[in-house]
Structures are given as C-alpha cells and as structure tokens.
Amino acid sequence: MRRAVPFIPQHFEEDVDPRNHRYMRIRVEQDHPCLGLFLRDRTDGIGAQQWHTLFRHQKILVNDVPAPKTNPIQKGDRIEIR
C-alpha cells in the first residue's frame, strides 16, 4: 500500500494551520489561466483522482464559491480546500 505524502501548499493564510488537512486557504499571488493546473503544480502527493473527487464534491472554493477546475484565477483570489 502506498503511503500518503502530506499536502502543504506554499502560501497559507496566517490564521490557518498548515497541518490541518481538513481545511486550508491559499492566497493567489499571480494570475493563472486554470485553477486545476495551479493547484496541481503547487502540490505533491495528491493524485488526479483525488483532485477530481474534491472538485466533484465542491470541496474547492474560490472566494467562497465552489469553482470548476477550468476556472481562471486572479491575483488576490482566495482558494479554500475543505
């Protein structure tokens, strides 16, 4: 059985503990054309199926709104992963 690698994004809100794997916020520091690619490029240990499940169950929010993985994101957006 493969062991899970912890998912710790590079940029956290100050009030969120990066070890809490049930709730995370990431600040967007530059524009990106695709939310899914933005998250995939900045994380290790989460596979395509896991990302698909998170998006399907609307566990990824951008500015407090569930967002599809193809949405572009802009500097200043807040990504929340639940």
Protein backbone atom coordinates (compact mmCIF):
# COMPACT_ATOMS: atom_id res chain seq x y z
CA MET A 1 0.00 0.00 0.00
CA ARG A 2 1.32 3.42 -0.96
CA ARG A 3 1.81 5.89 1.86
CA ALA A 4 0.23 9.34 1.53
CA VAL A 5 2.53 12.32 1.29
CA PRO A 6 1.32 15.37 3.24
CA PHE A 7 -0.18 18.15 1.17
CA ILE A 8 1.19 21.52 2.26
CA PRO A 9 0.65 24.46 -0.12
CA GLN A 10 3.32 27.14 -0.33
CA HIS A 11 1.23 30.10 0.82
CA PHE A 12 -1.17 29.93 3.75
CA GLU A 13 -3.35 32.46 5.43
CA GLU A 14 -1.82 33.38 8.76
CA ASP A 15 -4.77 32.03 10.75
CA VAL A 16 -4.79 28.54 9.20
CA ASP A 17 -2.62 25.73 10.50
CA PRO A 18 -0.90 24.04 7.50
CA ARG A 19 -1.05 20.67 9.27
CA ASN A 20 -4.87 20.73 9.31
CA HIS A 21 -5.70 18.62 6.27
CA ARG A 22 -9.42 19.28 6.54
CA TYR A 23 -9.39 22.98 5.85
CA MET A 24 -6.83 25.12 4.02
CA ARG A 25 -6.64 28.51 2.39
CA ILE A 26 -4.18 29.57 -0.27
CA ARG A 27 -3.56 33.15 -1.39
CA VAL A 28 -3.11 33.62 -5.12
CA GLU A 29 -0.12 35.84 -5.77
CA GLN A 30 -0.33 35.94 -9.57
CA ASP A 31 -2.91 35.29 -12.29
CA HIS A 32 -3.21 31.76 -13.66
CA PRO A 33 -5.41 30.51 -16.54
CA CYS A 34 -6.60 27.31 -14.81
CA LEU A 35 -7.42 26.55 -11.17
CA GLY A 36 -6.79 22.81 -11.55
CA LEU A 37 -3.33 23.31 -13.03
CA PHE A 38 -2.49 25.95 -10.42
CA LEU A 39 -3.23 23.51 -7.61
CA ARG A 40 -1.58 20.52 -9.29
CA ASP A 41 1.64 22.44 -9.94
CA ARG A 42 1.92 23.51 -6.30
CA THR A 43 1.25 20.24 -4.52
CA ASP A 44 2.81 16.83 -4.16
CA GLY A 45 1.09 13.68 -3.01
CA ILE A 46 -2.40 14.34 -4.39
CA GLY A 47 -3.27 12.35 -7.48
CA ALA A 48 -5.60 13.18 -10.34
CA GLN A 49 -8.41 11.04 -8.90
CA GLN A 50 -8.21 12.82 -5.54
CA TRP A 51 -8.38 16.25 -7.22
CA HIS A 52 -11.32 15.06 -9.34
CA THR A 53 -13.17 13.95 -6.20
CA LEU A 54 -12.51 17.27 -4.42
CA PHE A 55 -13.84 19.26 -7.38
CA ARG A 56 -16.82 16.92 -7.91
CA HIS A 57 -17.90 17.28 -4.27
CA GLN A 58 -17.38 21.06 -4.41
CA LYS A 59 -14.68 20.99 -1.74
CA ILE A 60 -12.59 23.61 -3.54
CA LEU A 61 -13.86 27.17 -3.29
CA VAL A 62 -12.54 30.36 -4.87
CA ASN A 63 -13.63 33.47 -2.99
CA ASP A 64 -16.20 31.39 -1.04
CA VAL A 65 -17.84 29.96 -4.19
CA PRO A 66 -17.41 26.38 -5.49
CA ALA A 67 -15.31 26.57 -8.64
CA PRO A 68 -14.71 24.15 -11.51
CA LYS A 69 -11.12 23.16 -12.18
CA THR A 70 -11.09 25.01 -15.51
CA ASN A 71 -11.79 28.43 -13.97
CA PRO A 72 -9.05 31.03 -14.33
CA ILE A 73 -7.83 32.61 -11.09
CA GLN A 74 -6.53 36.10 -10.44
CA LYS A 75 -4.08 37.70 -8.06
CA GLY A 76 -5.79 38.26 -4.73
CA ASP A 77 -8.22 35.33 -5.05
CA ARG A 78 -8.56 33.07 -2.03
CA ILE A 79 -8.64 29.33 -2.63
CA GLU A 80 -10.17 27.24 0.12
CA ILE A 81 -9.82 23.45 0.21
CA ARG A 82 -12.11 21.58 2.58
